Every structure is written in structure tokens, then in C-alpha cells.
N, C-alpha and C. Protein backbone atom coordinates (compact mmCIF):
# COMPACT_ATOMS: atom_id res chain seq x y z
N MET A 1 0.84 -1.18 0.00
CA MET A 1 0.00 0.00 0.00
C MET A 1 0.89 1.24 0.00
N ARG A 2 0.60 2.16 -0.85
CA ARG A 2 1.36 3.40 -0.98
C ARG A 2 0.54 4.57 -0.47
N GLY A 3 1.22 5.67 -0.21
CA GLY A 3 0.54 6.89 0.19
C GLY A 3 0.31 6.93 1.69
N LYS A 4 -0.28 8.01 2.10
CA LYS A 4 -0.55 8.22 3.53
C LYS A 4 -2.04 8.04 3.79
N GLN A 5 -2.33 7.59 5.00
CA GLN A 5 -3.72 7.48 5.45
C GLN A 5 -3.82 8.16 6.81
N ARG A 6 -4.94 8.78 7.05
CA ARG A 6 -5.17 9.46 8.32
C ARG A 6 -5.40 8.41 9.40
N LEU A 7 -4.88 8.70 10.61
CA LEU A 7 -4.99 7.79 11.73
C LEU A 7 -5.44 8.57 12.95
N SER A 8 -6.37 8.02 13.68
CA SER A 8 -6.78 8.59 14.96
C SER A 8 -6.46 7.55 16.01
N ALA A 9 -5.64 7.92 16.99
CA ALA A 9 -5.21 6.95 17.99
C ALA A 9 -5.06 7.64 19.34
N SER A 10 -5.32 6.90 20.39
CA SER A 10 -5.07 7.38 21.75
C SER A 10 -3.70 6.85 22.16
N VAL A 11 -2.86 7.74 22.69
CA VAL A 11 -1.52 7.35 23.10
C VAL A 11 -1.25 7.85 24.51
N ASP A 12 -0.27 7.24 25.16
CA ASP A 12 0.13 7.70 26.48
C ASP A 12 0.66 9.13 26.40
N ALA A 13 0.34 9.91 27.41
CA ALA A 13 0.73 11.32 27.43
C ALA A 13 2.23 11.50 27.30
N GLU A 14 3.02 10.64 27.96
CA GLU A 14 4.47 10.80 27.90
C GLU A 14 5.01 10.52 26.51
N LEU A 15 4.33 9.66 25.75
CA LEU A 15 4.77 9.41 24.37
C LEU A 15 4.46 10.60 23.48
N LEU A 16 3.31 11.21 23.69
CA LEU A 16 2.97 12.41 22.92
C LEU A 16 3.95 13.53 23.26
N HIS A 17 4.33 13.63 24.53
CA HIS A 17 5.32 14.63 24.94
C HIS A 17 6.67 14.35 24.27
N ALA A 18 7.06 13.09 24.21
CA ALA A 18 8.33 12.72 23.55
C ALA A 18 8.29 13.10 22.07
N ALA A 19 7.15 12.89 21.43
CA ALA A 19 7.02 13.25 20.02
C ALA A 19 7.14 14.76 19.84
N GLN A 20 6.47 15.51 20.68
CA GLN A 20 6.51 16.97 20.57
C GLN A 20 7.91 17.50 20.86
N THR A 21 8.59 16.88 21.83
CA THR A 21 9.97 17.27 22.13
C THR A 21 10.87 17.01 20.92
N ALA A 22 10.69 15.88 20.26
CA ALA A 22 11.47 15.56 19.06
C ALA A 22 11.24 16.61 17.98
N VAL A 23 10.00 17.05 17.82
CA VAL A 23 9.69 18.09 16.84
C VAL A 23 10.36 19.40 17.25
N ASP A 24 10.20 19.78 18.53
CA ASP A 24 10.78 21.04 19.03
C ASP A 24 12.29 21.08 18.87
N GLU A 25 12.93 19.92 19.04
CA GLU A 25 14.40 19.84 18.94
C GLU A 25 14.88 19.60 17.51
N GLY A 26 13.94 19.50 16.56
CA GLY A 26 14.32 19.32 15.16
C GLY A 26 14.67 17.90 14.78
N ARG A 27 14.36 16.93 15.65
CA ARG A 27 14.65 15.52 15.35
C ARG A 27 13.52 14.88 14.56
N ALA A 28 12.41 15.55 14.44
CA ALA A 28 11.28 15.08 13.62
C ALA A 28 10.63 16.32 13.01
N THR A 29 10.08 16.16 11.82
CA THR A 29 9.47 17.30 11.15
C THR A 29 8.06 17.59 11.68
N SER A 30 7.42 16.55 12.23
CA SER A 30 6.08 16.70 12.78
C SER A 30 5.77 15.53 13.69
N THR A 31 4.72 15.66 14.48
CA THR A 31 4.30 14.53 15.31
C THR A 31 3.91 13.36 14.41
N SER A 32 3.25 13.63 13.31
CA SER A 32 2.88 12.56 12.39
C SER A 32 4.12 11.83 11.86
N ALA A 33 5.16 12.58 11.53
CA ALA A 33 6.39 11.96 11.04
C ALA A 33 7.03 11.11 12.13
N TRP A 34 7.01 11.61 13.37
CA TRP A 34 7.57 10.87 14.50
C TRP A 34 6.81 9.56 14.72
N VAL A 35 5.47 9.63 14.69
CA VAL A 35 4.64 8.44 14.86
C VAL A 35 4.87 7.48 13.69
N ASN A 36 4.96 8.00 12.47
CA ASN A 36 5.21 7.16 11.31
C ASN A 36 6.53 6.40 11.46
N ASP A 37 7.58 7.11 11.91
CA ASP A 37 8.88 6.46 12.14
C ASP A 37 8.77 5.39 13.22
N ALA A 38 8.04 5.69 14.30
CA ALA A 38 7.87 4.73 15.38
C ALA A 38 7.15 3.47 14.88
N LEU A 39 6.11 3.66 14.10
CA LEU A 39 5.37 2.52 13.55
C LEU A 39 6.25 1.70 12.61
N ARG A 40 7.07 2.39 11.81
CA ARG A 40 7.98 1.69 10.89
C ARG A 40 8.99 0.86 11.69
N LEU A 41 9.57 1.46 12.75
CA LEU A 41 10.53 0.73 13.58
C LEU A 41 9.88 -0.48 14.23
N LYS A 42 8.66 -0.34 14.71
CA LYS A 42 7.94 -1.46 15.34
C LYS A 42 7.67 -2.56 14.32
N ALA A 43 7.25 -2.18 13.12
CA ALA A 43 6.98 -3.17 12.07
C ALA A 43 8.26 -3.92 11.69
N GLU A 44 9.38 -3.19 11.58
CA GLU A 44 10.66 -3.82 11.25
C GLU A 44 11.11 -4.75 12.38
N HIS A 45 10.93 -4.31 13.62
CA HIS A 45 11.29 -5.13 14.77
C HIS A 45 10.48 -6.42 14.78
N ASP A 46 9.17 -6.30 14.58
CA ASP A 46 8.31 -7.48 14.56
C ASP A 46 8.71 -8.44 13.45
N ARG A 47 9.06 -7.91 12.28
CA ARG A 47 9.49 -8.75 11.16
C ARG A 47 10.77 -9.49 11.52
N ARG A 48 11.72 -8.79 12.15
CA ARG A 48 12.97 -9.44 12.55
C ARG A 48 12.73 -10.52 13.61
N MET A 49 11.82 -10.26 14.54
CA MET A 49 11.53 -11.25 15.59
C MET A 49 10.87 -12.49 14.99
N ARG A 50 9.99 -12.30 14.00
CA ARG A 50 9.38 -13.45 13.32
C ARG A 50 10.44 -14.25 12.58
N ALA A 51 11.38 -13.56 11.93
CA ALA A 51 12.46 -14.25 11.21
C ALA A 51 13.35 -15.01 12.19
N LEU A 52 13.64 -14.41 13.34
CA LEU A 52 14.45 -15.09 14.35
C LEU A 52 13.72 -16.31 14.90
N ASP A 53 12.42 -16.16 15.17
CA ASP A 53 11.62 -17.31 15.63
C ASP A 53 11.68 -18.45 14.61
N SER A 54 11.56 -18.10 13.34
CA SER A 54 11.59 -19.11 12.28
C SER A 54 12.96 -19.79 12.22
N PHE A 55 14.02 -18.98 12.30
CA PHE A 55 15.37 -19.53 12.28
C PHE A 55 15.58 -20.49 13.45
N LEU A 56 15.20 -20.05 14.65
CA LEU A 56 15.40 -20.88 15.84
C LEU A 56 14.59 -22.18 15.75
N ALA A 57 13.37 -22.08 15.26
CA ALA A 57 12.54 -23.29 15.12
C ALA A 57 13.20 -24.28 14.16
N THR A 58 13.70 -23.77 13.04
CA THR A 58 14.37 -24.62 12.06
C THR A 58 15.65 -25.23 12.65
N TYR A 59 16.44 -24.40 13.33
CA TYR A 59 17.68 -24.87 13.94
C TYR A 59 17.39 -25.95 14.97
N GLU A 60 16.43 -25.67 15.87
CA GLU A 60 16.13 -26.63 16.93
C GLU A 60 15.50 -27.91 16.39
N ALA A 61 14.77 -27.82 15.30
CA ALA A 61 14.20 -29.03 14.68
C ALA A 61 15.32 -29.93 14.17
N GLU A 62 16.42 -29.32 13.71
CA GLU A 62 17.53 -30.10 13.17
C GLU A 62 18.53 -30.52 14.24
N HIS A 63 18.78 -29.64 15.23
CA HIS A 63 19.86 -29.88 16.19
C HIS A 63 19.39 -30.10 17.63
N GLY A 64 18.12 -29.97 17.89
CA GLY A 64 17.62 -30.09 19.26
C GLY A 64 17.49 -28.73 19.92
N VAL A 65 16.78 -28.71 21.02
CA VAL A 65 16.52 -27.46 21.74
C VAL A 65 17.82 -26.89 22.29
N ILE A 66 17.99 -25.60 22.16
CA ILE A 66 19.17 -24.91 22.68
C ILE A 66 19.01 -24.84 24.20
N THR A 67 20.02 -25.33 24.92
CA THR A 67 19.94 -25.40 26.37
C THR A 67 20.47 -24.12 27.03
N GLU A 68 20.15 -23.95 28.30
CA GLU A 68 20.66 -22.81 29.07
C GLU A 68 22.19 -22.85 29.12
N VAL A 69 22.75 -24.04 29.24
CA VAL A 69 24.21 -24.19 29.27
C VAL A 69 24.81 -23.67 27.96
N GLU A 70 24.23 -24.04 26.84
CA GLU A 70 24.72 -23.57 25.53
C GLU A 70 24.60 -22.06 25.41
N ILE A 71 23.51 -21.51 25.90
CA ILE A 71 23.33 -20.05 25.86
C ILE A 71 24.39 -19.37 26.72
N ASP A 72 24.61 -19.89 27.94
CA ASP A 72 25.63 -19.32 28.83
C ASP A 72 27.02 -19.38 28.19
N GLU A 73 27.35 -20.49 27.56
CA GLU A 73 28.64 -20.63 26.88
C GLU A 73 28.77 -19.62 25.74
N ALA A 74 27.70 -19.45 24.97
CA ALA A 74 27.73 -18.50 23.86
C ALA A 74 27.91 -17.07 24.37
N VAL A 75 27.25 -16.74 25.47
CA VAL A 75 27.39 -15.41 26.07
C VAL A 75 28.83 -15.19 26.52
N ARG A 76 29.41 -16.19 27.19
CA ARG A 76 30.80 -16.07 27.64
C ARG A 76 31.74 -15.86 26.45
N ARG A 77 31.56 -16.64 25.37
CA ARG A 77 32.41 -16.49 24.19
C ARG A 77 32.26 -15.11 23.58
N ALA A 78 31.03 -14.63 23.48
CA ALA A 78 30.79 -13.31 22.89
C ALA A 78 31.42 -12.22 23.74
N ARG A 79 31.27 -12.33 25.06
CA ARG A 79 31.86 -11.31 25.94
C ARG A 79 33.38 -11.33 25.89
N SER A 80 33.96 -12.51 25.72
CA SER A 80 35.42 -12.60 25.69
C SER A 80 35.99 -11.95 24.41
N ARG A 81 35.19 -11.90 23.36
CA ARG A 81 35.64 -11.30 22.09
C ARG A 81 35.23 -9.85 21.95
N ALA A 82 34.41 -9.36 22.88
CA ALA A 82 33.88 -8.00 22.77
C ALA A 82 34.98 -6.97 23.01
N THR A 83 34.85 -5.84 22.34
CA THR A 83 35.75 -4.73 22.54
C THR A 83 35.07 -3.74 23.47
N VAL A 84 35.70 -3.45 24.59
CA VAL A 84 35.14 -2.51 25.55
C VAL A 84 35.40 -1.10 25.04
N VAL A 85 34.35 -0.34 24.84
CA VAL A 85 34.51 1.03 24.37
C VAL A 85 34.32 2.03 25.50
N ARG A 86 33.80 1.54 26.62
CA ARG A 86 33.62 2.41 27.78
C ARG A 86 33.68 1.51 29.01
N SER A 87 34.51 1.89 29.96
CA SER A 87 34.61 1.06 31.15
C SER A 87 33.39 1.26 32.03
N ALA A 88 33.14 0.27 32.88
CA ALA A 88 32.01 0.35 33.81
C ALA A 88 32.26 1.49 34.78
N PRO A 89 31.21 2.23 35.15
CA PRO A 89 31.40 3.33 36.10
C PRO A 89 31.84 2.78 37.46
N SER A 90 32.68 3.55 38.12
CA SER A 90 33.14 3.14 39.44
C SER A 90 32.03 3.31 40.46
N LYS A 91 32.19 2.65 41.61
CA LYS A 91 31.19 2.78 42.67
C LYS A 91 31.09 4.22 43.13
N THR A 92 32.20 4.94 43.14
CA THR A 92 32.19 6.34 43.54
C THR A 92 31.36 7.17 42.58
N ALA A 93 31.49 6.92 41.29
CA ALA A 93 30.73 7.66 40.30
C ALA A 93 29.24 7.40 40.47
N LYS A 94 28.87 6.15 40.76
CA LYS A 94 27.46 5.84 40.95
C LYS A 94 26.89 6.57 42.15
N SER A 95 27.66 6.62 43.24
CA SER A 95 27.14 7.28 44.44
C SER A 95 26.98 8.77 44.23
N HIS A 96 27.79 9.37 43.35
CA HIS A 96 27.66 10.80 43.06
C HIS A 96 26.39 11.10 42.27
N ARG A 97 25.88 10.10 41.55
CA ARG A 97 24.65 10.29 40.78
C ARG A 97 23.43 9.93 41.59
N GLY A 98 23.61 9.56 42.85
CA GLY A 98 22.47 9.21 43.68
C GLY A 98 22.08 7.75 43.57
N VAL A 99 22.95 6.94 42.95
CA VAL A 99 22.69 5.51 42.82
C VAL A 99 23.49 4.80 43.88
N ALA A 100 22.83 3.96 44.66
CA ALA A 100 23.54 3.26 45.74
C ALA A 100 24.21 2.02 45.22
């Protein structure tokens, strides 16, 4: 489907405020544009999640269910190869921000 269609929707007040702030700061041309972008991102996210579900179902049908142990091992391997671009904040820094 091409073109634009009018939409009437009720949204949470804080989301409407976020949209208006984006417009005021020049990050969106209008509330409609901001909502359109949000809907596009949600649609893309849902499509990716369906594709991931399909991939996992196919993988598990062939290789068996992925176990918690396998997930933990994969996380450890990924973290060991990760490049740290920012160190974790120190406990002193957290306490200065009011975080215990």
C-alpha cells in the first residue's frame, strides 16, 4: 500500500510529549512523522523477531533445543571477544549520581 492514510489513535501522554519534544528539537518534522517512524521501527522489529523465531525453530528441529548451558557458553564467548569502548562506572561515580 502506498501513500498516507489518516490515523486517529489514543496514546500515552508521555509518548505524545516525547514526540513533541522531538519536533521542538528538530529531530522530527512533525508529530505525524515521528509516529510514522515509530510505527515503521515497530513493524521492522516485529518482522525481525518473526524471522528469528523461524530460524530458531528450524535450527532446533535439526539440532535439538538450545539449552541454558549452551546459551551461557555463547554469552561467555561473545563477551570474551567484545571490545570494551567504555569502562564500567566506578562505585564512587554511581554514588555521586544518587545511585547506591
